[in-house]
C-alpha atoms as a PDB file:
ATOM      1  CA  UNK A   1       2.476  -2.055 -25.241  1.00  0.00           C
ATOM      2  CA  UNK A   2       3.956  -5.238 -23.782  1.00  0.00           C
ATOM      3  CA  UNK A   3       2.588  -6.326 -20.419  1.00  0.00           C
ATOM      4  CA  UNK A   4       4.880  -8.597 -18.337  1.00  0.00           C
ATOM      5  CA  UNK A   5       1.784  -9.894 -16.545  1.00  0.00           C
ATOM      6  CA  UNK A   6       0.548 -11.482 -19.794  1.00  0.00           C
ATOM      7  CA  UNK A   7       3.387 -14.001 -19.794  1.00  0.00           C
ATOM      8  CA  UNK A   8       3.142 -15.005 -16.151  1.00  0.00           C
ATOM      9  CA  UNK A   9      -0.634 -15.175 -15.757  1.00  0.00           C
ATOM     10  CA  UNK A  10      -3.173 -16.667 -18.147  1.00  0.00           C
ATOM     11  CA  UNK A  11      -5.659 -14.515 -20.047  1.00  0.00           C
ATOM     12  CA  UNK A  12      -8.378 -15.513 -17.573  1.00  0.00           C
ATOM     13  CA  UNK A  13      -6.655 -14.493 -14.345  1.00  0.00           C
ATOM     14  CA  UNK A  14      -4.785 -11.565 -15.874  1.00  0.00           C
ATOM     15  CA  UNK A  15      -7.358  -8.950 -14.897  1.00  0.00           C
ATOM     16  CA  UNK A  16      -8.057 -10.371 -11.450  1.00  0.00           C
ATOM     17  CA  UNK A  17      -4.338 -10.776 -10.801  1.00  0.00           C
ATOM     18  CA  UNK A  18      -3.713  -7.188 -11.763  1.00  0.00           C
ATOM     19  CA  UNK A  19      -6.537  -5.917  -9.569  1.00  0.00           C
ATOM     20  CA  UNK A  20      -5.318  -7.932  -6.601  1.00  0.00           C
ATOM     21  CA  UNK A  21      -1.741  -6.792  -7.173  1.00  0.00           C
ATOM     22  CA  UNK A  22      -2.747  -3.137  -7.360  1.00  0.00           C
ATOM     23  CA  UNK A  23      -5.012  -3.532  -4.331  1.00  0.00           C
ATOM     24  CA  UNK A  24      -2.239  -5.111  -2.264  1.00  0.00           C
ATOM     25  CA  UNK A  25       0.218  -2.429  -3.364  1.00  0.00           C
ATOM     26  CA  UNK A  26      -2.273   0.314  -2.561  1.00  0.00           C
ATOM     27  CA  UNK A  27      -2.936  -1.156   0.902  1.00  0.00           C
ATOM     28  CA  UNK A  28       0.778  -1.570   1.640  1.00  0.00           C
ATOM     29  CA  UNK A  29       1.548   1.952   0.435  1.00  0.00           C
ATOM     30  CA  UNK A  30      -1.377   3.376   2.402  1.00  0.00           C
ATOM     31  CA  UNK A  31      -0.315   1.572   5.595  1.00  0.00           C
ATOM     32  CA  UNK A  32       3.292   2.672   5.141  1.00  0.00           C
ATOM     33  CA  UNK A  33       2.321   6.295   4.476  1.00  0.00           C
ATOM     34  CA  UNK A  34      -0.137   6.372   7.386  1.00  0.00           C
ATOM     35  CA  UNK A  35       2.476   4.797   9.650  1.00  0.00           C
ATOM     36  CA  UNK A  36       5.138   7.331   8.672  1.00  0.00           C
ATOM     37  CA  UNK A  37       2.756  10.286   8.892  1.00  0.00           C
ATOM     38  CA  UNK A  38       1.425   9.021  12.203  1.00  0.00           C
ATOM     39  CA  UNK A  39       4.927   8.601  13.588  1.00  0.00           C
ATOM     40  CA  UNK A  40       5.809  12.192  12.679  1.00  0.00           C
ATOM     41  CA  UNK A  41       2.462  13.906  13.323  1.00  0.00           C
ATOM     42  CA  UNK A  42       1.229  12.136  16.476  1.00  0.00           C
ATOM     43  CA  UNK A  43       4.168  13.229  18.713  1.00  0.00           C
ATOM     44  CA  UNK A  44       3.646  16.831  17.598  1.00  0.00           C
ATOM     45  CA  UNK A  45      -0.138  16.875  18.072  1.00  0.00           C
ATOM     46  CA  UNK A  46      -0.232  14.757  21.234  1.00  0.00           C
ATOM     47  CA  UNK A  47       1.646  16.111  24.269  1.00  0.00           C
ATOM     48  CA  UNK A  48       4.897  14.311  25.111  1.00  0.00           C
ATOM     49  CA  UNK A  49       3.262  13.173  28.371  1.00  0.00           C
ATOM     50  CA  UNK A  50       0.645  11.017  26.629  1.00  0.00           C
ATOM     51  CA  UNK A  51       3.060   9.900  23.895  1.00  0.00           C
ATOM     52  CA  UNK A  52       5.288   8.360  26.586  1.00  0.00           C
END
């Protein structure tokens, strides 16, 4: 299997770079999903009065 990361990053930082990349992606995805779910679910759960 060819890994594009191997070319860009050195053998030393390859693992750490991958971990950081995955971590950042996971955080961004989690925030995006939570934001979307919150936007849709909050108005339904919370009365329109409090939601403003």
